[in-house]
Amino acid sequence: MIFVSVFDVCVAQNRVNGTFNTVGYVANNPKVYVLPEDSISTDGDEDVEATKEQSLDSIPTNVIKSRISNVSFPLKDIWITSPFGIRKDPMNRKRRRMHNGLDLRAKYEPVYAMMPGVITAVSFSKNGGYYVTVNHGICVCSYLHLSKILVRRGQRVQAGQMVAISGNSGKRTTGPHLHITCRWGNEKGKFFNPVVLLNFVADELLNNLKS
């Protein structure tokens, strides 16, 4: 059974000039859903780095708010297919391992930068496939298993700017989707749950609508 997550919201969304669901645009009710873990085939991926690194249990969202003014969801609709944290390995269901990112349902769809930043990596890894990394100053986000990359290293991007097309590249994947990992501070920082950023984006967009 599909159920709506606690951060299902009506937020700003518009596709004018290649951007959408960013602060300052017109509401058009994008959706946020969570799917049961066994209801859809996703991936068994890991970040570009090893998955045994420590992860943060929480991050100070007030610090993010003080540094980031524009935000966007990474996809038109957000369907979480595999959460952050310890889970059964989709490549070996008898094994449990740390999932340092978040899997979102995405079948070759546009992928958007969640916040303003600089592209620090555009490359390919054996497990994660084609990926893009964006340094937002306060944190770093990577988008993996892409089918097409639309930015270059060193390029500045804005919230809602298209950076790639999702896909199914890389070894540790069982179907097309978008895998997102987030690190606090810089590229070597600790992993944290990307849902924190999705909730932050939702809150900022809602606050903008109310103001």
C-alpha atoms as a PDB file:
ATOM      1  CA  MET A   1       0.000   0.000   0.000  1.00  0.00           C
ATOM      2  CA  ILE A   2       1.257   3.480  -0.874  1.00  0.00           C
ATOM      3  CA  PHE A   3       1.060   6.053   1.880  1.00  0.00           C
ATOM      4  CA  VAL A   4       1.804   9.758   1.978  1.00  0.00           C
ATOM      5  CA  SER A   5       4.718  10.808   4.131  1.00  0.00           C
ATOM      6  CA  VAL A   6       4.529  13.343   6.939  1.00  0.00           C
ATOM      7  CA  PHE A   7       6.129  15.949   4.720  1.00  0.00           C
ATOM      8  CA  ASP A   8       3.487  15.766   1.966  1.00  0.00           C
ATOM      9  CA  VAL A   9       2.992  19.439   1.157  1.00  0.00           C
ATOM     10  CA  CYS A  10       1.568  21.943  -1.308  1.00  0.00           C
ATOM     11  CA  VAL A  11       4.568  24.000  -2.374  1.00  0.00           C
ATOM     12  CA  ALA A  12       5.694  26.453  -5.028  1.00  0.00           C
ATOM     13  CA  GLN A  13       6.163  24.880  -8.445  1.00  0.00           C
ATOM     14  CA  ASN A  14       6.640  26.313 -11.891  1.00  0.00           C
ATOM     15  CA  ARG A  15       8.639  25.296 -14.953  1.00  0.00           C
ATOM     16  CA  VAL A  16       9.314  28.782 -16.288  1.00  0.00           C
ATOM     17  CA  ASN A  17      12.845  29.184 -17.648  1.00  0.00           C
ATOM     18  CA  GLY A  18      13.809  25.628 -16.759  1.00  0.00           C
ATOM     19  CA  THR A  19      13.192  25.978 -13.018  1.00  0.00           C
ATOM     20  CA  PHE A  20      10.409  24.694 -10.830  1.00  0.00           C
ATOM     21  CA  ASN A  21       9.303  24.366  -7.217  1.00  0.00           C
ATOM     22  CA  THR A  22      11.712  27.072  -6.117  1.00  0.00           C
ATOM     23  CA  VAL A  23      11.056  29.889  -3.693  1.00  0.00           C
ATOM     24  CA  GLY A  24       9.116  32.667  -5.371  1.00  0.00           C
ATOM     25  CA  TYR A  25       7.103  30.633  -7.861  1.00  0.00           C
ATOM     26  CA  VAL A  26       3.417  29.733  -8.113  1.00  0.00           C
ATOM     27  CA  ALA A  27       1.937  26.832  -6.113  1.00  0.00           C
ATOM     28  CA  ASN A  28       1.017  23.755  -8.129  1.00  0.00           C
ATOM     29  CA  ASN A  29       0.887  21.006  -5.484  1.00  0.00           C
ATOM     30  CA  PRO A  30       3.862  18.671  -6.063  1.00  0.00           C
ATOM     31  CA  LYS A  31       3.607  15.373  -4.177  1.00  0.00           C
ATOM     32  CA  VAL A  32       5.806  13.593  -1.666  1.00  0.00           C
ATOM     33  CA  TYR A  33       5.173   9.883  -1.113  1.00  0.00           C
ATOM     34  CA  VAL A  34       6.797   6.957   0.627  1.00  0.00           C
ATOM     35  CA  LEU A  35       6.590   3.450  -0.811  1.00  0.00           C
ATOM     36  CA  PRO A  36       6.922   0.297   1.317  1.00  0.00           C
ATOM     37  CA  GLU A  37      10.459  -1.033   1.081  1.00  0.00           C
ATOM     38  CA  ASP A  38       9.497  -4.260  -0.697  1.00  0.00           C
ATOM     39  CA  SER A  39       6.971  -2.758  -3.117  1.00  0.00           C
ATOM     40  CA  ILE A  40       9.423  -1.615  -5.761  1.00  0.00           C
ATOM     41  CA  SER A  41      12.808  -2.744  -7.021  1.00  0.00           C
ATOM     42  CA  THR A  42      15.338  -0.008  -6.344  1.00  0.00           C
ATOM     43  CA  ASP A  43      19.062  -0.322  -5.827  1.00  0.00           C
ATOM     44  CA  GLY A  44      21.794  -1.646  -3.665  1.00  0.00           C
ATOM     45  CA  ASP A  45      24.106   1.236  -4.300  1.00  0.00           C
ATOM     46  CA  GLU A  46      26.543   3.064  -2.174  1.00  0.00           C
ATOM     47  CA  ASP A  47      28.092   6.473  -2.351  1.00  0.00           C
ATOM     48  CA  VAL A  48      31.183   7.174  -4.406  1.00  0.00           C
ATOM     49  CA  GLU A  49      33.100   6.514  -1.162  1.00  0.00           C
ATOM     50  CA  ALA A  50      32.868   3.529   1.209  1.00  0.00           C
ATOM     51  CA  THR A  51      29.614   3.019   3.111  1.00  0.00           C
ATOM     52  CA  LYS A  52      31.264   2.130   6.420  1.00  0.00           C
ATOM     53  CA  GLU A  53      31.911   5.780   7.265  1.00  0.00           C
ATOM     54  CA  GLN A  54      30.079   7.310  10.195  1.00  0.00           C
ATOM     55  CA  SER A  55      26.824   9.145   9.653  1.00  0.00           C
ATOM     56  CA  LEU A  56      25.200  12.012  11.516  1.00  0.00           C
ATOM     57  CA  ASP A  57      22.015  11.345  13.450  1.00  0.00           C
ATOM     58  CA  SER A  58      20.924  14.963  13.118  1.00  0.00           C
ATOM     59  CA  ILE A  59      22.089  18.287  11.732  1.00  0.00           C
ATOM     60  CA  PRO A  60      21.327  21.884  12.804  1.00  0.00           C
ATOM     61  CA  THR A  61      18.709  22.952  10.268  1.00  0.00           C
ATOM     62  CA  ASN A  62      18.746  26.476  11.679  1.00  0.00           C
ATOM     63  CA  VAL A  63      22.307  26.753  10.351  1.00  0.00           C
ATOM     64  CA  ILE A  64      21.116  25.731   6.877  1.00  0.00           C
ATOM     65  CA  LYS A  65      18.318  28.300   7.049  1.00  0.00           C
ATOM     66  CA  SER A  66      20.792  31.063   7.894  1.00  0.00           C
ATOM     67  CA  ARG A  67      22.940  30.240   4.846  1.00  0.00           C
ATOM     68  CA  ILE A  68      20.476  29.181   2.114  1.00  0.00           C
ATOM     69  CA  SER A  69      17.859  31.498   0.604  1.00  0.00           C
ATOM     70  CA  ASN A  70      16.569  29.560  -2.456  1.00  0.00           C
ATOM     71  CA  VAL A  71      15.500  25.936  -2.540  1.00  0.00           C
ATOM     72  CA  SER A  72      13.991  23.310  -4.853  1.00  0.00           C
ATOM     73  CA  PHE A  73      12.929  19.680  -4.786  1.00  0.00           C
ATOM     74  CA  PRO A  74      15.288  17.449  -6.833  1.00  0.00           C
ATOM     75  CA  LEU A  75      12.422  15.874  -8.809  1.00  0.00           C
ATOM     76  CA  LYS A  76       8.936  16.853  -9.936  1.00  0.00           C
ATOM     77  CA  ASP A  77       7.379  14.311  -7.535  1.00  0.00           C
ATOM     78  CA  ILE A  78       9.151  12.795  -4.560  1.00  0.00           C
ATOM     79  CA  TRP A  79       8.570   9.052  -4.028  1.00  0.00           C
ATOM     80  CA  ILE A  80      10.925   7.539  -1.459  1.00  0.00           C
ATOM     81  CA  THR A  81      11.609   3.920  -2.379  1.00  0.00           C
ATOM     82  CA  SER A  82      14.427   3.118   0.055  1.00  0.00           C
ATOM     83  CA  PRO A  83      15.266   5.192   3.150  1.00  0.00           C
ATOM     84  CA  PHE A  84      18.533   6.267   4.738  1.00  0.00           C
ATOM     85  CA  GLY A  85      19.966   3.901   7.354  1.00  0.00           C
ATOM     86  CA  ILE A  86      20.456   0.190   7.958  1.00  0.00           C
ATOM     87  CA  ARG A  87      18.479  -1.934   5.499  1.00  0.00           C
ATOM     88  CA  LYS A  88      18.499  -5.274   3.714  1.00  0.00           C
ATOM     89  CA  ASP A  89      20.961  -5.225   0.850  1.00  0.00           C
ATOM     90  CA  PRO A  90      18.870  -5.434  -2.377  1.00  0.00           C
ATOM     91  CA  MET A  91      21.768  -7.278  -4.015  1.00  0.00           C
ATOM     92  CA  ASN A  92      21.854  -9.839  -1.180  1.00  0.00           C
ATOM     93  CA  ARG A  93      18.641  -9.931   0.876  1.00  0.00           C
ATOM     94  CA  LYS A  94      20.300 -12.052   3.583  1.00  0.00           C
ATOM     95  CA  ARG A  95      22.657  -9.228   4.421  1.00  0.00           C
ATOM     96  CA  ARG A  96      21.986  -5.923   6.183  1.00  0.00           C
ATOM     97  CA  ARG A  97      24.141  -2.899   5.506  1.00  0.00           C
ATOM     98  CA  MET A  98      24.205   0.854   5.890  1.00  0.00           C
ATOM     99  CA  HIS A  99      22.447   2.821   3.150  1.00  0.00           C
ATOM    100  CA  ASN A 100      24.125   6.228   3.262  1.00  0.00           C
ATOM    101  CA  GLY A 101      21.682   7.861   0.892  1.00  0.00           C
ATOM    102  CA  LEU A 102      18.063   8.068  -0.146  1.00  0.00           C
ATOM    103  CA  ASP A 103      16.465   6.382  -3.160  1.00  0.00           C
ATOM    104  CA  LEU A 104      13.761   8.230  -5.077  1.00  0.00           C
ATOM    105  CA  ARG A 105      11.602   6.824  -7.844  1.00  0.00           C
ATOM    106  CA  ALA A 106      12.697   8.416 -11.104  1.00  0.00           C
ATOM    107  CA  LYS A 107      12.519   6.841 -14.559  1.00  0.00           C
ATOM    108  CA  TYR A 108      14.811   8.955 -16.729  1.00  0.00           C
ATOM    109  CA  GLU A 109      13.483  12.246 -15.375  1.00  0.00           C
ATOM    110  CA  PRO A 110      15.048  15.724 -14.989  1.00  0.00           C
ATOM    111  CA  VAL A 111      17.100  16.138 -11.809  1.00  0.00           C
ATOM    112  CA  TYR A 112      17.342  19.591 -10.215  1.00  0.00           C
ATOM    113  CA  ALA A 113      19.786  21.216  -7.803  1.00  0.00           C
ATOM    114  CA  MET A 114      18.121  21.546  -4.391  1.00  0.00           C
ATOM    115  CA  MET A 115      20.041  24.705  -3.458  1.00  0.00           C
ATOM    116  CA  PRO A 116      22.509  27.131  -5.065  1.00  0.00           C
ATOM    117  CA  GLY A 117      26.033  25.783  -5.295  1.00  0.00           C
ATOM    118  CA  VAL A 118      29.079  24.819  -7.345  1.00  0.00           C
ATOM    119  CA  ILE A 119      29.536  21.564  -9.253  1.00  0.00           C
ATOM    120  CA  THR A 120      32.599  19.882  -7.729  1.00  0.00           C
ATOM    121  CA  ALA A 121      32.436  16.490  -9.450  1.00  0.00           C
ATOM    122  CA  VAL A 122      31.110  15.150 -12.750  1.00  0.00           C
ATOM    123  CA  SER A 123      32.243  11.591 -13.190  1.00  0.00           C
ATOM    124  CA  PHE A 124      31.534   7.846 -13.229  1.00  0.00           C
ATOM    125  CA  SER A 125      32.015   5.256 -10.495  1.00  0.00           C
ATOM    126  CA  LYS A 126      31.745   1.469 -10.696  1.00  0.00           C
ATOM    127  CA  ASN A 127      28.932   1.226  -8.155  1.00  0.00           C
ATOM    128  CA  GLY A 128      27.196   4.581  -8.457  1.00  0.00           C
ATOM    129  CA  GLY A 129      27.409   5.032 -12.219  1.00  0.00           C
ATOM    130  CA  TYR A 130      27.366   8.545 -13.645  1.00  0.00           C
ATOM    131  CA  TYR A 131      27.116  11.105 -10.864  1.00  0.00           C
ATOM    132  CA  VAL A 132      27.120  14.826 -10.136  1.00  0.00           C
ATOM    133  CA  THR A 133      28.236  16.419  -6.866  1.00  0.00           C
ATOM    134  CA  VAL A 134      27.122  19.912  -5.822  1.00  0.00           C
ATOM    135  CA  ASN A 135      28.808  21.838  -3.009  1.00  0.00           C
ATOM    136  CA  HIS A 136      26.263  24.129  -1.364  1.00  0.00           C
ATOM    137  CA  GLY A 137      28.716  25.592   1.132  1.00  0.00           C
ATOM    138  CA  ILE A 138      26.868  24.250   4.161  1.00  0.00           C
ATOM    139  CA  CYS A 139      26.661  20.704   2.773  1.00  0.00           C
ATOM    140  CA  VAL A 140      27.459  18.616  -0.300  1.00  0.00           C
ATOM    141  CA  CYS A 141      24.917  16.583  -2.290  1.00  0.00           C
ATOM    142  CA  SER A 142      25.606  13.890  -4.872  1.00  0.00           C
ATOM    143  CA  TYR A 143      23.149  12.519  -7.440  1.00  0.00           C
ATOM    144  CA  LEU A 144      23.965   8.994  -8.659  1.00  0.00           C
ATOM    145  CA  HIS A 145      22.947   6.424 -11.325  1.00  0.00           C
ATOM    146  CA  LEU A 146      22.372   9.173 -13.880  1.00  0.00           C
ATOM    147  CA  SER A 147      21.799   8.578 -17.575  1.00  0.00           C
ATOM    148  CA  LYS A 148      22.876  12.047 -18.693  1.00  0.00           C
ATOM    149  CA  ILE A 149      24.847  14.876 -17.090  1.00  0.00           C
ATOM    150  CA  LEU A 150      23.965  18.456 -18.065  1.00  0.00           C
ATOM    151  CA  VAL A 151      26.573  20.452 -16.112  1.00  0.00           C
ATOM    152  CA  ARG A 152      30.348  20.691 -15.918  1.00  0.00           C
ATOM    153  CA  ARG A 153      32.795  20.793 -13.037  1.00  0.00           C
ATOM    154  CA  GLY A 154      33.263  24.294 -11.621  1.00  0.00           C
ATOM    155  CA  GLN A 155      29.891  25.511 -12.915  1.00  0.00           C
ATOM    156  CA  ARG A 156      27.671  27.518 -10.572  1.00  0.00           C
ATOM    157  CA  VAL A 157      24.057  26.377 -10.401  1.00  0.00           C
ATOM    158  CA  GLN A 158      20.901  27.817  -8.885  1.00  0.00           C
ATOM    159  CA  ALA A 159      18.142  26.072  -6.967  1.00  0.00           C
ATOM    160  CA  GLY A 160      15.800  24.420  -9.462  1.00  0.00           C
ATOM    161  CA  GLN A 161      18.374  24.346 -12.260  1.00  0.00           C
ATOM    162  CA  MET A 162      18.441  21.062 -14.177  1.00  0.00           C
ATOM    163  CA  VAL A 163      21.745  19.262 -13.631  1.00  0.00           C
ATOM    164  CA  ALA A 164      21.094  15.773 -15.022  1.00  0.00           C
ATOM    165  CA  ILE A 165      18.671  13.091 -16.165  1.00  0.00           C
ATOM    166  CA  SER A 166      18.111  10.179 -13.792  1.00  0.00           C
ATOM    167  CA  GLY A 167      18.866   6.665 -14.968  1.00  0.00           C
ATOM    168  CA  ASN A 168      20.198   3.214 -14.154  1.00  0.00           C
ATOM    169  CA  SER A 169      23.963   3.456 -14.591  1.00  0.00           C
ATOM    170  CA  GLY A 170      26.442   1.710 -12.314  1.00  0.00           C
ATOM    171  CA  LYS A 171      26.824  -1.799 -10.945  1.00  0.00           C
ATOM    172  CA  ARG A 172      24.753  -1.652  -7.760  1.00  0.00           C
ATOM    173  CA  THR A 173      21.298  -0.907  -9.097  1.00  0.00           C
ATOM    174  CA  THR A 174      18.264  -3.026  -9.949  1.00  0.00           C
ATOM    175  CA  GLY A 175      16.256  -0.408 -11.832  1.00  0.00           C
ATOM    176  CA  PRO A 176      16.117   3.259 -12.857  1.00  0.00           C
ATOM    177  CA  HIS A 177      15.900   5.668  -9.921  1.00  0.00           C
ATOM    178  CA  LEU A 178      17.711   8.605  -8.321  1.00  0.00           C
ATOM    179  CA  HIS A 179      20.068   8.015  -5.408  1.00  0.00           C
ATOM    180  CA  ILE A 180      20.982  11.084  -3.346  1.00  0.00           C
ATOM    181  CA  THR A 181      23.694  11.320  -0.715  1.00  0.00           C
ATOM    182  CA  CYS A 182      24.368  14.326   1.506  1.00  0.00           C
ATOM    183  CA  ARG A 183      27.467  15.190   3.521  1.00  0.00           C
ATOM    184  CA  TRP A 184      27.707  17.866   6.172  1.00  0.00           C
ATOM    185  CA  GLY A 185      30.276  20.609   5.564  1.00  0.00           C
ATOM    186  CA  ASN A 186      32.318  19.326   2.622  1.00  0.00           C
ATOM    187  CA  GLU A 187      33.062  16.332   0.403  1.00  0.00           C
ATOM    188  CA  LYS A 188      34.719  14.509   3.317  1.00  0.00           C
ATOM    189  CA  GLY A 189      32.014  15.341   5.866  1.00  0.00           C
ATOM    190  CA  LYS A 190      29.740  12.833   7.550  1.00  0.00           C
ATOM    191  CA  PHE A 191      26.678  11.528   5.751  1.00  0.00           C
ATOM    192  CA  PHE A 192      23.273  12.706   6.925  1.00  0.00           C
ATOM    193  CA  ASN A 193      19.738  11.760   5.955  1.00  0.00           C
ATOM    194  CA  PRO A 194      18.682  13.638   2.766  1.00  0.00           C
ATOM    195  CA  VAL A 195      15.112  13.711   4.127  1.00  0.00           C
ATOM    196  CA  VAL A 196      16.363  16.565   6.331  1.00  0.00           C
ATOM    197  CA  LEU A 197      16.887  18.641   3.188  1.00  0.00           C
ATOM    198  CA  LEU A 198      13.555  17.580   1.665  1.00  0.00           C
ATOM    199  CA  ASN A 199      11.790  18.739   4.826  1.00  0.00           C
ATOM    200  CA  PHE A 200      13.813  21.959   4.801  1.00  0.00           C
ATOM    201  CA  VAL A 201      12.833  22.601   1.175  1.00  0.00           C
ATOM    202  CA  ALA A 202       9.170  21.944   1.973  1.00  0.00           C
ATOM    203  CA  ASP A 203       9.224  24.276   4.984  1.00  0.00           C
ATOM    204  CA  GLU A 204      10.925  27.083   3.065  1.00  0.00           C
ATOM    205  CA  LEU A 205       8.482  26.841   0.168  1.00  0.00           C
ATOM    206  CA  LEU A 206       5.493  26.815   2.507  1.00  0.00           C
ATOM    207  CA  ASN A 207       6.816  29.787   4.466  1.00  0.00           C
ATOM    208  CA  ASN A 208       7.311  31.678   1.220  1.00  0.00           C
ATOM    209  CA  LEU A 209       3.688  31.043   0.247  1.00  0.00           C
ATOM    210  CA  LYS A 210       2.471  32.334   3.610  1.00  0.00           C
ATOM    211  CA  SER A 211       4.535  35.517   3.511  1.00  0.00           C
END
